[in-house]
Amino acid sequence: MFGSHETVREPGAPPVRSLSPNSRLGRSSPHSQDREERMFVGIDVAKDRLDGHVRPTGAVFTTARDSAGLEQLVARLAALGPTLIVLEATGGFEVTVAAALAAAGLPLAVVNPRQIRSFARALGQQAKTDALDAEIIARFAEAVRPTPRPLPDDQTRLLGELVARRRQLLEMMVAERNRRRHLASKRLVKGVDRVLALLQKELAALEAELDATIRGTPAWRAAEDLLTAVPGVGDTLARTLLAELPELGTLAPKQIAALVGVAPFARDSGQWRGRRRIMGGRKSVRNVLFMAAVAALRCNPVLTAFYKRLRAAGKPGKVALVACMRKLLTILNAILRDQRPWQTA
């Protein structure tokens, strides 16, 4: 479905060789050897099976998404020695596959499915099957080459699950309270109250486990103490950052802002200058960061002065608030990077 880029010769014509006096016949350049040796693998992860595609050879394979299938996959890819393996984040199905590949020391990147679909549309690929998806992922790996990132260990994964479950319980409680307001039947209201009591009990138990997990790990305890020392930063934001933004303290300010989705992106064309907007990023982190920034405007002198200065310059309130979110994030990033506590100066 994709065109070949090889040079076409007439039938029976001899191979084309360079006529340069500096060329060495019979030997390929180091650059062409490098291209031949680089292998990129795309894997489409489904509930029951895995479809793989290798670039530039075009080799394909299929295996089951179970213990035996993962062993075969690891053995196959270890023998291949790929430069990069790319998976889509598919709602949890990719976790066991990624863990098996990472445990084998294979270079792996798990990417946002939206990037893959945008790449497919750019190639003009409208059809969608598991095999085609694997090929598109492999072509994405070859063209874009996303940076392989280490996967979280078991303890970090557990912390992420605890934080995510806490967020889910809170969302369920909000939904039940909203439903309760529209009920006229006392019997149904009592039923909702029982559900809310059960959810509250589960939330209390989960928060106790979350607290024990954080405080029982020296590195996390120290990081949480550094973060919560900043006015406006509470346990919820600190633990969300530890669980869902492990890159905090390791990236540059602009990189960490873009990763969370609070970096303004330009929208210019020729003489036209569009409004800068934030987009993408980790929504769960951004939501908690928003609430922390609102609280910090009341008690953090640095952010309060920054917000007032932006408003005095004519910036809309929401624009100034997003700027405060970005400033708070970069402050926390610097604190963890330098391992220095908050100082008002």
C-alpha atoms as a PDB file:
ATOM      1  CA  MET A   1       0.000   0.000   0.000  1.00  0.00           C
ATOM      2  CA  PHE A   2       3.011   2.275   0.370  1.00  0.00           C
ATOM      3  CA  GLY A   3       5.214   3.036  -2.612  1.00  0.00           C
ATOM      4  CA  SER A   4       8.810   1.829  -2.863  1.00  0.00           C
ATOM      5  CA  HIS A   5      11.661   4.327  -2.918  1.00  0.00           C
ATOM      6  CA  GLU A   6      14.223   2.041  -4.645  1.00  0.00           C
ATOM      7  CA  THR A   7      15.791   3.071  -7.959  1.00  0.00           C
ATOM      8  CA  VAL A   8      14.319   1.134 -10.921  1.00  0.00           C
ATOM      9  CA  ARG A   9      16.791  -0.211 -13.532  1.00  0.00           C
ATOM     10  CA  GLU A  10      16.080  -1.569 -16.985  1.00  0.00           C
ATOM     11  CA  PRO A  11      15.913  -5.394 -17.155  1.00  0.00           C
ATOM     12  CA  GLY A  12      19.397  -6.836 -17.575  1.00  0.00           C
ATOM     13  CA  ALA A  13      21.177  -3.579 -16.793  1.00  0.00           C
ATOM     14  CA  PRO A  14      24.287  -3.858 -14.584  1.00  0.00           C
ATOM     15  CA  PRO A  15      24.209  -2.431 -11.078  1.00  0.00           C
ATOM     16  CA  VAL A  16      24.853   1.298 -10.915  1.00  0.00           C
ATOM     17  CA  ARG A  17      28.199   2.108  -9.305  1.00  0.00           C
ATOM     18  CA  SER A  18      29.686   5.414  -8.287  1.00  0.00           C
ATOM     19  CA  LEU A  19      32.181   6.936 -10.740  1.00  0.00           C
ATOM     20  CA  SER A  20      33.827   9.079  -8.076  1.00  0.00           C
ATOM     21  CA  PRO A  21      37.591   8.473  -7.805  1.00  0.00           C
ATOM     22  CA  ASN A  22      37.182   8.472  -4.008  1.00  0.00           C
ATOM     23  CA  SER A  23      34.615   5.670  -4.015  1.00  0.00           C
ATOM     24  CA  ARG A  24      35.527   2.113  -2.976  1.00  0.00           C
ATOM     25  CA  LEU A  25      33.830  -0.480  -5.163  1.00  0.00           C
ATOM     26  CA  GLY A  26      32.279  -3.417  -3.413  1.00  0.00           C
ATOM     27  CA  ARG A  27      31.945  -1.628  -0.057  1.00  0.00           C
ATOM     28  CA  SER A  28      28.854   0.202   1.198  1.00  0.00           C
ATOM     29  CA  SER A  29      29.118   3.384   3.191  1.00  0.00           C
ATOM     30  CA  PRO A  30      28.905   3.328   6.989  1.00  0.00           C
ATOM     31  CA  HIS A  31      25.674   5.320   6.739  1.00  0.00           C
ATOM     32  CA  SER A  32      23.980   2.717   4.534  1.00  0.00           C
ATOM     33  CA  GLN A  33      25.195  -0.037   6.859  1.00  0.00           C
ATOM     34  CA  ASP A  34      23.720   1.867   9.804  1.00  0.00           C
ATOM     35  CA  ARG A  35      20.381   2.107   8.027  1.00  0.00           C
ATOM     36  CA  GLU A  36      20.414  -1.611   7.242  1.00  0.00           C
ATOM     37  CA  GLU A  37      21.195  -2.540  10.834  1.00  0.00           C
ATOM     38  CA  ARG A  38      18.479  -0.401  12.425  1.00  0.00           C
ATOM     39  CA  MET A  39      15.265  -2.295  13.068  1.00  0.00           C
ATOM     40  CA  PHE A  40      12.026  -0.728  14.295  1.00  0.00           C
ATOM     41  CA  VAL A  41       9.165  -2.816  15.610  1.00  0.00           C
ATOM     42  CA  GLY A  42       5.538  -1.785  15.971  1.00  0.00           C
ATOM     43  CA  ILE A  43       3.203  -3.938  18.056  1.00  0.00           C
ATOM     44  CA  ASP A  44      -0.573  -3.586  18.053  1.00  0.00           C
ATOM     45  CA  VAL A  45      -1.935  -4.851  21.370  1.00  0.00           C
ATOM     46  CA  ALA A  46      -5.398  -6.394  21.513  1.00  0.00           C
ATOM     47  CA  LYS A  47      -7.162  -8.226  24.310  1.00  0.00           C
ATOM     48  CA  ASP A  48      -6.133 -11.703  23.174  1.00  0.00           C
ATOM     49  CA  ARG A  49      -3.295 -11.290  20.683  1.00  0.00           C
ATOM     50  CA  LEU A  50      -0.373  -9.189  19.518  1.00  0.00           C
ATOM     51  CA  ASP A  51       0.317  -8.183  15.911  1.00  0.00           C
ATOM     52  CA  GLY A  52       3.849  -7.100  15.082  1.00  0.00           C
ATOM     53  CA  HIS A  53       5.525  -5.440  12.126  1.00  0.00           C
ATOM     54  CA  VAL A  54       9.256  -4.900  11.552  1.00  0.00           C
ATOM     55  CA  ARG A  55      10.703  -2.016   9.589  1.00  0.00           C
ATOM     56  CA  PRO A  56      12.384  -1.817   7.171  1.00  0.00           C
ATOM     57  CA  THR A  57      12.246  -5.563   6.411  1.00  0.00           C
ATOM     58  CA  GLY A  58       8.434  -5.715   6.396  1.00  0.00           C
ATOM     59  CA  ALA A  59       8.384  -8.909   8.455  1.00  0.00           C
ATOM     60  CA  VAL A  60       5.127  -9.564  10.316  1.00  0.00           C
ATOM     61  CA  PHE A  61       4.197 -11.839  13.193  1.00  0.00           C
ATOM     62  CA  THR A  62       1.265 -12.655  15.450  1.00  0.00           C
ATOM     63  CA  THR A  63       1.294 -14.166  18.919  1.00  0.00           C
ATOM     64  CA  ALA A  64      -1.126 -14.682  21.772  1.00  0.00           C
ATOM     65  CA  ARG A  65      -1.209 -12.195  24.645  1.00  0.00           C
ATOM     66  CA  ASP A  66      -0.564 -14.784  27.337  1.00  0.00           C
ATOM     67  CA  SER A  67       2.470 -16.106  29.204  1.00  0.00           C
ATOM     68  CA  ALA A  68       3.592 -18.437  26.414  1.00  0.00           C
ATOM     69  CA  GLY A  69       3.006 -15.781  23.772  1.00  0.00           C
ATOM     70  CA  LEU A  70       4.989 -13.179  25.698  1.00  0.00           C
ATOM     71  CA  GLU A  71       7.909 -15.601  26.058  1.00  0.00           C
ATOM     72  CA  GLN A  72       7.878 -16.183  22.286  1.00  0.00           C
ATOM     73  CA  LEU A  73       7.682 -12.426  21.673  1.00  0.00           C
ATOM     74  CA  VAL A  74      10.635 -11.662  23.936  1.00  0.00           C
ATOM     75  CA  ALA A  75      12.740 -14.435  22.357  1.00  0.00           C
ATOM     76  CA  ARG A  76      11.925 -13.243  18.836  1.00  0.00           C
ATOM     77  CA  LEU A  77      12.708  -9.587  19.537  1.00  0.00           C
ATOM     78  CA  ALA A  78      15.830 -10.344  21.559  1.00  0.00           C
ATOM     79  CA  ALA A  79      17.203 -12.274  18.587  1.00  0.00           C
ATOM     80  CA  LEU A  80      16.257  -9.433  16.237  1.00  0.00           C
ATOM     81  CA  GLY A  81      17.997  -6.753  18.331  1.00  0.00           C
ATOM     82  CA  PRO A  82      15.719  -3.842  17.372  1.00  0.00           C
ATOM     83  CA  THR A  83      16.674  -0.204  17.749  1.00  0.00           C
ATOM     84  CA  LEU A  84      13.234   0.632  19.120  1.00  0.00           C
ATOM     85  CA  ILE A  85       9.943  -1.093  19.918  1.00  0.00           C
ATOM     86  CA  VAL A  86       6.779   0.995  20.073  1.00  0.00           C
ATOM     87  CA  LEU A  87       3.425   0.138  21.630  1.00  0.00           C
ATOM     88  CA  GLU A  88       0.229   2.144  21.931  1.00  0.00           C
ATOM     89  CA  ALA A  89      -1.222   2.849  25.364  1.00  0.00           C
ATOM     90  CA  THR A  90      -4.421   0.793  25.040  1.00  0.00           C
ATOM     91  CA  GLY A  91      -6.145   1.205  28.377  1.00  0.00           C
ATOM     92  CA  GLY A  92      -4.067  -1.315  30.305  1.00  0.00           C
ATOM     93  CA  PHE A  93      -3.711  -4.200  27.847  1.00  0.00           C
ATOM     94  CA  GLU A  94      -0.194  -3.008  27.021  1.00  0.00           C
ATOM     95  CA  VAL A  95       1.066  -3.119  30.624  1.00  0.00           C
ATOM     96  CA  THR A  96       1.985  -6.812  30.771  1.00  0.00           C
ATOM     97  CA  VAL A  97       3.533  -6.672  27.297  1.00  0.00           C
ATOM     98  CA  ALA A  98       5.587  -3.587  28.143  1.00  0.00           C
ATOM     99  CA  ALA A  99       6.700  -5.120  31.442  1.00  0.00           C
ATOM    100  CA  ALA A 100       7.893  -8.301  29.722  1.00  0.00           C
ATOM    101  CA  LEU A 101       9.845  -6.378  27.076  1.00  0.00           C
ATOM    102  CA  ALA A 102      11.360  -3.990  29.611  1.00  0.00           C
ATOM    103  CA  ALA A 103      12.397  -6.887  31.861  1.00  0.00           C
ATOM    104  CA  ALA A 104      14.300  -8.334  28.893  1.00  0.00           C
ATOM    105  CA  GLY A 105      16.182  -5.040  28.482  1.00  0.00           C
ATOM    106  CA  LEU A 106      14.648  -4.212  25.098  1.00  0.00           C
ATOM    107  CA  PRO A 107      14.337  -0.531  24.039  1.00  0.00           C
ATOM    108  CA  LEU A 108      10.668   0.345  24.433  1.00  0.00           C
ATOM    109  CA  ALA A 109       8.419   3.390  24.096  1.00  0.00           C
ATOM    110  CA  VAL A 110       4.709   3.454  24.937  1.00  0.00           C
ATOM    111  CA  VAL A 111       3.040   6.290  23.026  1.00  0.00           C
ATOM    112  CA  ASN A 112      -0.313   8.041  22.961  1.00  0.00           C
ATOM    113  CA  PRO A 113      -2.694   6.419  20.411  1.00  0.00           C
ATOM    114  CA  ARG A 114      -3.644   9.882  19.158  1.00  0.00           C
ATOM    115  CA  GLN A 115      -0.103  10.354  17.852  1.00  0.00           C
ATOM    116  CA  ILE A 116      -0.349   7.103  15.890  1.00  0.00           C
ATOM    117  CA  ARG A 117      -3.724   7.973  14.354  1.00  0.00           C
ATOM    118  CA  SER A 118      -2.501  11.456  13.386  1.00  0.00           C
ATOM    119  CA  PHE A 119       0.550   9.854  11.779  1.00  0.00           C
ATOM    120  CA  ALA A 120      -1.680   7.405   9.883  1.00  0.00           C
ATOM    121  CA  ARG A 121      -3.853  10.236   8.574  1.00  0.00           C
ATOM    122  CA  ALA A 122      -0.732  12.091   7.465  1.00  0.00           C
ATOM    123  CA  LEU A 123       0.200   9.010   5.421  1.00  0.00           C
ATOM    124  CA  GLY A 124      -3.295   8.881   3.929  1.00  0.00           C
ATOM    125  CA  GLN A 125      -4.050   5.589   5.668  1.00  0.00           C
ATOM    126  CA  GLN A 126      -7.787   5.399   6.400  1.00  0.00           C
ATOM    127  CA  ALA A 127      -8.280   1.637   6.747  1.00  0.00           C
ATOM    128  CA  LYS A 128      -7.818   0.144  10.207  1.00  0.00           C
ATOM    129  CA  THR A 129      -7.001  -3.470  11.032  1.00  0.00           C
ATOM    130  CA  ASP A 130      -4.681  -4.957  13.632  1.00  0.00           C
ATOM    131  CA  ALA A 131      -2.057  -5.782  11.002  1.00  0.00           C
ATOM    132  CA  LEU A 132      -2.280  -2.314   9.441  1.00  0.00           C
ATOM    133  CA  ASP A 133      -2.081  -0.699  12.871  1.00  0.00           C
ATOM    134  CA  ALA A 134       1.108  -2.651  13.627  1.00  0.00           C
ATOM    135  CA  GLU A 135       2.627  -1.436  10.344  1.00  0.00           C
ATOM    136  CA  ILE A 136       1.667   2.175  11.049  1.00  0.00           C
ATOM    137  CA  ILE A 137       3.187   1.932  14.547  1.00  0.00           C
ATOM    138  CA  ALA A 138       6.411   0.526  13.059  1.00  0.00           C
ATOM    139  CA  ARG A 139       6.556   3.334  10.505  1.00  0.00           C
ATOM    140  CA  PHE A 140       5.938   5.837  13.295  1.00  0.00           C
ATOM    141  CA  ALA A 141       8.813   4.316  15.276  1.00  0.00           C
ATOM    142  CA  GLU A 142      11.110   4.548  12.254  1.00  0.00           C
ATOM    143  CA  ALA A 143      10.172   8.125  11.338  1.00  0.00           C
ATOM    144  CA  VAL A 144       9.606   9.793  14.722  1.00  0.00           C
ATOM    145  CA  ARG A 145      11.807   7.648  16.988  1.00  0.00           C
ATOM    146  CA  PRO A 146      10.203   8.495  20.345  1.00  0.00           C
ATOM    147  CA  THR A 147      12.607   8.390  23.261  1.00  0.00           C
ATOM    148  CA  PRO A 148      12.506   5.090  25.172  1.00  0.00           C
ATOM    149  CA  ARG A 149      11.557   5.703  28.798  1.00  0.00           C
ATOM    150  CA  PRO A 150      12.081   3.321  31.711  1.00  0.00           C
ATOM    151  CA  LEU A 151       8.882   1.742  32.969  1.00  0.00           C
ATOM    152  CA  PRO A 152       7.840   2.294  36.578  1.00  0.00           C
ATOM    153  CA  ASP A 153       8.786  -0.439  38.999  1.00  0.00           C
ATOM    154  CA  ASP A 154       6.160  -2.450  40.885  1.00  0.00           C
ATOM    155  CA  GLN A 155       6.098  -0.046  43.814  1.00  0.00           C
ATOM    156  CA  THR A 156       5.633   2.999  41.594  1.00  0.00           C
ATOM    157  CA  ARG A 157       2.940   1.186  39.637  1.00  0.00           C
ATOM    158  CA  LEU A 158       1.132   0.405  42.886  1.00  0.00           C
ATOM    159  CA  LEU A 159       1.282   4.068  43.899  1.00  0.00           C
ATOM    160  CA  GLY A 160      -0.167   5.047  40.528  1.00  0.00           C
ATOM    161  CA  GLU A 161      -3.019   2.576  40.953  1.00  0.00           C
ATOM    162  CA  LEU A 162      -3.793   3.887  44.443  1.00  0.00           C
ATOM    163  CA  VAL A 163      -3.902   7.501  43.243  1.00  0.00           C
ATOM    164  CA  ALA A 164      -6.028   6.568  40.228  1.00  0.00           C
ATOM    165  CA  ARG A 165      -8.432   4.556  42.390  1.00  0.00           C
ATOM    166  CA  ARG A 166      -8.800   7.468  44.803  1.00  0.00           C
ATOM    167  CA  ARG A 167      -9.729   9.700  41.880  1.00  0.00           C
ATOM    168  CA  GLN A 168     -12.290   7.131  40.673  1.00  0.00           C
ATOM    169  CA  LEU A 169     -13.921   6.889  44.113  1.00  0.00           C
ATOM    170  CA  LEU A 170     -14.233  10.662  44.314  1.00  0.00           C
ATOM    171  CA  GLU A 171     -15.807  10.778  40.852  1.00  0.00           C
ATOM    172  CA  MET A 172     -18.327   8.092  41.864  1.00  0.00           C
ATOM    173  CA  MET A 173     -19.196   9.995  45.019  1.00  0.00           C
ATOM    174  CA  VAL A 174     -19.794  13.203  43.065  1.00  0.00           C
ATOM    175  CA  ALA A 175     -22.012  11.297  40.613  1.00  0.00           C
ATOM    176  CA  GLU A 176     -24.060   9.728  43.416  1.00  0.00           C
ATOM    177  CA  ARG A 177     -24.531  13.085  45.147  1.00  0.00           C
ATOM    178  CA  ASN A 178     -25.730  14.617  41.881  1.00  0.00           C
ATOM    179  CA  ARG A 179     -28.227  11.777  41.413  1.00  0.00           C
ATOM    180  CA  ARG A 180     -29.424  12.133  44.997  1.00  0.00           C
ATOM    181  CA  ARG A 181     -30.456  15.752  44.416  1.00  0.00           C
ATOM    182  CA  HIS A 182     -32.921  14.697  41.706  1.00  0.00           C
ATOM    183  CA  LEU A 183     -34.609  11.896  43.650  1.00  0.00           C
ATOM    184  CA  ALA A 184     -38.028  12.348  45.247  1.00  0.00           C
ATOM    185  CA  SER A 185     -38.417   8.835  46.679  1.00  0.00           C
ATOM    186  CA  LYS A 186     -37.157   8.550  50.255  1.00  0.00           C
ATOM    187  CA  ARG A 187     -36.416   4.879  49.728  1.00  0.00           C
ATOM    188  CA  LEU A 188     -34.156   5.639  46.771  1.00  0.00           C
ATOM    189  CA  VAL A 189     -32.480   8.463  48.680  1.00  0.00           C
ATOM    190  CA  LYS A 190     -31.652   6.038  51.487  1.00  0.00           C
ATOM    191  CA  GLY A 191     -30.201   3.640  48.902  1.00  0.00           C
ATOM    192  CA  VAL A 192     -27.938   6.366  47.547  1.00  0.00           C
ATOM    193  CA  ASP A 193     -26.900   7.251  51.093  1.00  0.00           C
ATOM    194  CA  ARG A 194     -25.874   3.626  51.688  1.00  0.00           C
ATOM    195  CA  VAL A 195     -23.784   3.681  48.516  1.00  0.00           C
ATOM    196  CA  LEU A 196     -22.167   6.974  49.565  1.00  0.00           C
ATOM    197  CA  ALA A 197     -21.368   5.562  53.006  1.00  0.00           C
ATOM    198  CA  LEU A 198     -19.749   2.515  51.412  1.00  0.00           C
ATOM    199  CA  LEU A 199     -17.721   4.698  49.031  1.00  0.00           C
ATOM    200  CA  GLN A 200     -16.635   6.926  51.915  1.00  0.00           C
ATOM    201  CA  LYS A 201     -15.475   3.862  53.849  1.00  0.00           C
ATOM    202  CA  GLU A 202     -13.512   2.615  50.821  1.00  0.00           C
ATOM    203  CA  LEU A 203     -11.990   6.063  50.358  1.00  0.00           C
ATOM    204  CA  ALA A 204     -10.849   6.234  53.978  1.00  0.00           C
ATOM    205  CA  ALA A 205      -9.228   2.805  53.763  1.00  0.00           C
ATOM    206  CA  LEU A 206      -7.531   3.650  50.479  1.00  0.00           C
ATOM    207  CA  GLU A 207      -6.170   6.964  51.785  1.00  0.00           C
ATOM    208  CA  ALA A 208      -4.743   5.151  54.805  1.00  0.00           C
ATOM    209  CA  GLU A 209      -2.986   2.682  52.496  1.00  0.00           C
ATOM    210  CA  LEU A 210      -1.772   5.522  50.308  1.00  0.00           C
ATOM    211  CA  ASP A 211      -0.380   7.357  53.318  1.00  0.00           C
ATOM    212  CA  ALA A 212       1.383   4.214  54.554  1.00  0.00           C
ATOM    213  CA  THR A 213       2.860   3.592  51.109  1.00  0.00           C
ATOM    214  CA  ILE A 214       4.250   7.127  50.816  1.00  0.00           C
ATOM    215  CA  ARG A 215       5.497   7.476  54.366  1.00  0.00           C
ATOM    216  CA  GLY A 216       6.964   3.978  54.339  1.00  0.00           C
ATOM    217  CA  THR A 217       9.279   4.748  51.423  1.00  0.00           C
ATOM    218  CA  PRO A 218      12.140   7.108  52.385  1.00  0.00           C
ATOM    219  CA  ALA A 219      12.588   8.586  48.895  1.00  0.00           C
ATOM    220  CA  TRP A 220       8.886   9.306  48.483  1.00  0.00           C
ATOM    221  CA  ARG A 221       8.602  10.635  52.024  1.00  0.00           C
ATOM    222  CA  ALA A 222      11.439  13.071  51.410  1.00  0.00           C
ATOM    223  CA  ALA A 223       9.984  14.166  48.057  1.00  0.00           C
ATOM    224  CA  GLU A 224       6.517  14.649  49.550  1.00  0.00           C
ATOM    225  CA  ASP A 225       7.966  16.741  52.386  1.00  0.00           C
ATOM    226  CA  LEU A 226       9.765  18.965  49.874  1.00  0.00           C
ATOM    227  CA  LEU A 227       6.640  19.435  47.758  1.00  0.00           C
ATOM    228  CA  THR A 228       4.167  20.057  50.566  1.00  0.00           C
ATOM    229  CA  ALA A 229       6.475  22.721  52.073  1.00  0.00           C
ATOM    230  CA  VAL A 230       5.415  24.986  49.183  1.00  0.00           C
ATOM    231  CA  PRO A 231       2.366  27.109  50.179  1.00  0.00           C
ATOM    232  CA  GLY A 232      -0.698  25.848  48.318  1.00  0.00           C
ATOM    233  CA  VAL A 233       0.635  22.324  47.741  1.00  0.00           C
ATOM    234  CA  GLY A 234      -1.142  19.635  49.740  1.00  0.00           C
ATOM    235  CA  ASP A 235      -0.968  15.871  49.957  1.00  0.00           C
ATOM    236  CA  THR A 236      -3.257  15.360  46.967  1.00  0.00           C
ATOM    237  CA  LEU A 237      -1.077  17.295  44.518  1.00  0.00           C
ATOM    238  CA  ALA A 238       2.170  15.931  45.950  1.00  0.00           C
ATOM    239  CA  ARG A 239       1.023  12.319  45.672  1.00  0.00           C
ATOM    240  CA  THR A 240      -0.454  12.826  42.227  1.00  0.00           C
ATOM    241  CA  LEU A 241       2.862  14.239  41.025  1.00  0.00           C
ATOM    242  CA  LEU A 242       4.836  11.377  42.557  1.00  0.00           C
ATOM    243  CA  ALA A 243       2.555   8.760  41.022  1.00  0.00           C
ATOM    244  CA  GLU A 244       1.637  10.230  37.644  1.00  0.00           C
ATOM    245  CA  LEU A 245       4.514  12.599  36.869  1.00  0.00           C
ATOM    246  CA  PRO A 246       7.689  10.669  37.744  1.00  0.00           C
ATOM    247  CA  GLU A 247       9.612  12.912  35.329  1.00  0.00           C
ATOM    248  CA  LEU A 248       9.267  15.816  37.773  1.00  0.00           C
ATOM    249  CA  GLY A 249      12.730  17.052  38.700  1.00  0.00           C
ATOM    250  CA  THR A 250      14.421  15.513  35.658  1.00  0.00           C
ATOM    251  CA  LEU A 251      13.213  17.730  32.785  1.00  0.00           C
ATOM    252  CA  ALA A 252      13.697  21.342  31.755  1.00  0.00           C
ATOM    253  CA  PRO A 253      10.939  23.837  32.671  1.00  0.00           C
ATOM    254  CA  LYS A 254       9.485  24.003  29.144  1.00  0.00           C
ATOM    255  CA  GLN A 255       9.549  20.224  28.807  1.00  0.00           C
ATOM    256  CA  ILE A 256       7.751  19.547  32.080  1.00  0.00           C
ATOM    257  CA  ALA A 257       5.145  22.229  31.265  1.00  0.00           C
ATOM    258  CA  ALA A 258       4.465  20.664  27.865  1.00  0.00           C
ATOM    259  CA  LEU A 259       4.262  17.189  29.416  1.00  0.00           C
ATOM    260  CA  VAL A 260       1.519  18.303  31.805  1.00  0.00           C
ATOM    261  CA  GLY A 261      -0.222  20.408  29.150  1.00  0.00           C
ATOM    262  CA  VAL A 262       0.211  23.922  30.556  1.00  0.00           C
ATOM    263  CA  ALA A 263       2.661  25.212  27.935  1.00  0.00           C
ATOM    264  CA  PRO A 264       1.171  27.706  25.437  1.00  0.00           C
ATOM    265  CA  PHE A 265       1.651  26.707  21.811  1.00  0.00           C
ATOM    266  CA  ALA A 266       1.903  29.235  18.990  1.00  0.00           C
ATOM    267  CA  ARG A 267      -0.744  29.372  16.234  1.00  0.00           C
ATOM    268  CA  ASP A 268       0.815  31.668  13.617  1.00  0.00           C
ATOM    269  CA  SER A 269       0.693  31.683   9.838  1.00  0.00           C
ATOM    270  CA  GLY A 270       2.340  34.379   7.724  1.00  0.00           C
ATOM    271  CA  GLN A 271       1.259  37.771   9.024  1.00  0.00           C
ATOM    272  CA  TRP A 272      -1.515  36.244  11.121  1.00  0.00           C
ATOM    273  CA  ARG A 273      -0.823  35.790  14.825  1.00  0.00           C
ATOM    274  CA  GLY A 274      -3.249  33.490  16.584  1.00  0.00           C
ATOM    275  CA  ARG A 275      -3.925  33.163  20.282  1.00  0.00           C
ATOM    276  CA  ARG A 276      -1.586  30.880  22.195  1.00  0.00           C
ATOM    277  CA  ARG A 277      -3.375  27.866  23.647  1.00  0.00           C
ATOM    278  CA  ILE A 278      -2.508  24.969  25.892  1.00  0.00           C
ATOM    279  CA  MET A 279      -3.264  21.479  24.626  1.00  0.00           C
ATOM    280  CA  GLY A 280      -2.557  17.823  25.285  1.00  0.00           C
ATOM    281  CA  GLY A 281      -0.625  16.666  28.321  1.00  0.00           C
ATOM    282  CA  ARG A 282      -1.650  14.664  31.367  1.00  0.00           C
ATOM    283  CA  LYS A 283      -5.159  15.722  32.243  1.00  0.00           C
ATOM    284  CA  SER A 284      -5.258  14.053  35.654  1.00  0.00           C
ATOM    285  CA  VAL A 285      -2.170  15.986  36.776  1.00  0.00           C
ATOM    286  CA  ARG A 286      -3.400  19.226  35.244  1.00  0.00           C
ATOM    287  CA  ASN A 287      -6.756  19.017  37.037  1.00  0.00           C
ATOM    288  CA  VAL A 288      -5.129  18.667  40.454  1.00  0.00           C
ATOM    289  CA  LEU A 289      -2.577  21.348  39.614  1.00  0.00           C
ATOM    290  CA  PHE A 290      -5.420  23.746  38.768  1.00  0.00           C
ATOM    291  CA  MET A 291      -6.983  23.368  42.215  1.00  0.00           C
ATOM    292  CA  ALA A 292      -3.591  23.772  43.886  1.00  0.00           C
ATOM    293  CA  ALA A 293      -2.930  26.980  41.926  1.00  0.00           C
ATOM    294  CA  VAL A 294      -6.308  28.404  43.001  1.00  0.00           C
ATOM    295  CA  ALA A 295      -5.433  27.664  46.635  1.00  0.00           C
ATOM    296  CA  ALA A 296      -1.900  29.016  46.229  1.00  0.00           C
ATOM    297  CA  LEU A 297      -3.213  32.396  45.056  1.00  0.00           C
ATOM    298  CA  ARG A 298      -4.521  32.904  48.589  1.00  0.00           C
ATOM    299  CA  CYS A 299      -1.471  31.807  50.558  1.00  0.00           C
ATOM    300  CA  ASN A 300       1.600  31.795  48.300  1.00  0.00           C
ATOM    301  CA  PRO A 301       3.105  35.309  48.094  1.00  0.00           C
ATOM    302  CA  VAL A 302       5.143  34.526  44.987  1.00  0.00           C
ATOM    303  CA  LEU A 303       2.178  33.298  42.968  1.00  0.00           C
ATOM    304  CA  THR A 304      -0.126  36.003  44.342  1.00  0.00           C
ATOM    305  CA  ALA A 305       2.238  38.749  43.187  1.00  0.00           C
ATOM    306  CA  PHE A 306       2.739  37.006  39.835  1.00  0.00           C
ATOM    307  CA  TYR A 307      -1.016  36.731  39.255  1.00  0.00           C
ATOM    308  CA  LYS A 308      -1.644  40.372  40.157  1.00  0.00           C
ATOM    309  CA  ARG A 309       1.139  41.510  37.844  1.00  0.00           C
ATOM    310  CA  LEU A 310      -0.362  39.579  34.918  1.00  0.00           C
ATOM    311  CA  ARG A 311      -3.850  40.908  35.597  1.00  0.00           C
ATOM    312  CA  ALA A 312      -2.506  44.467  35.820  1.00  0.00           C
ATOM    313  CA  ALA A 313      -0.901  43.939  32.419  1.00  0.00           C
ATOM    314  CA  GLY A 314      -4.328  43.142  30.957  1.00  0.00           C
ATOM    315  CA  LYS A 315      -4.189  39.350  30.876  1.00  0.00           C
ATOM    316  CA  PRO A 316      -7.560  37.573  31.230  1.00  0.00           C
ATOM    317  CA  GLY A 317      -8.123  35.815  34.541  1.00  0.00           C
ATOM    318  CA  LYS A 318      -7.972  32.302  33.141  1.00  0.00           C
ATOM    319  CA  VAL A 319      -4.796  33.052  31.180  1.00  0.00           C
ATOM    320  CA  ALA A 320      -3.168  34.423  34.334  1.00  0.00           C
ATOM    321  CA  LEU A 321      -4.310  31.373  36.315  1.00  0.00           C
ATOM    322  CA  VAL A 322      -2.834  28.951  33.769  1.00  0.00           C
ATOM    323  CA  ALA A 323       0.407  30.934  33.914  1.00  0.00           C
ATOM    324  CA  CYS A 324       0.367  30.465  37.705  1.00  0.00           C
ATOM    325  CA  MET A 325      -0.139  26.723  37.219  1.00  0.00           C
ATOM    326  CA  ARG A 326       2.900  26.661  34.952  1.00  0.00           C
ATOM    327  CA  LYS A 327       4.972  28.711  37.404  1.00  0.00           C
ATOM    328  CA  LEU A 328       3.982  26.472  40.321  1.00  0.00           C
ATOM    329  CA  LEU A 329       4.909  23.394  38.314  1.00  0.00           C
ATOM    330  CA  THR A 330       8.325  24.784  37.369  1.00  0.00           C
ATOM    331  CA  ILE A 331       8.952  25.721  41.019  1.00  0.00           C
ATOM    332  CA  LEU A 332       8.174  22.161  42.129  1.00  0.00           C
ATOM    333  CA  ASN A 333      10.304  20.783  39.305  1.00  0.00           C
ATOM    334  CA  ALA A 334      13.277  22.890  40.443  1.00  0.00           C
ATOM    335  CA  ILE A 335      12.782  21.906  44.094  1.00  0.00           C
ATOM    336  CA  LEU A 336      12.950  18.189  43.323  1.00  0.00           C
ATOM    337  CA  ARG A 337      15.798  18.695  40.854  1.00  0.00           C
ATOM    338  CA  ASP A 338      17.960  20.597  43.345  1.00  0.00           C
ATOM    339  CA  GLN A 339      16.626  18.855  46.469  1.00  0.00           C
ATOM    340  CA  ARG A 340      16.297  22.265  48.135  1.00  0.00           C
ATOM    341  CA  PRO A 341      13.265  23.243  50.218  1.00  0.00           C
ATOM    342  CA  TRP A 342      10.947  26.151  49.437  1.00  0.00           C
ATOM    343  CA  GLN A 343      12.262  29.583  50.250  1.00  0.00           C
ATOM    344  CA  THR A 344      10.284  32.826  50.040  1.00  0.00           C
ATOM    345  CA  ALA A 345      12.621  35.388  48.605  1.00  0.00           C
END
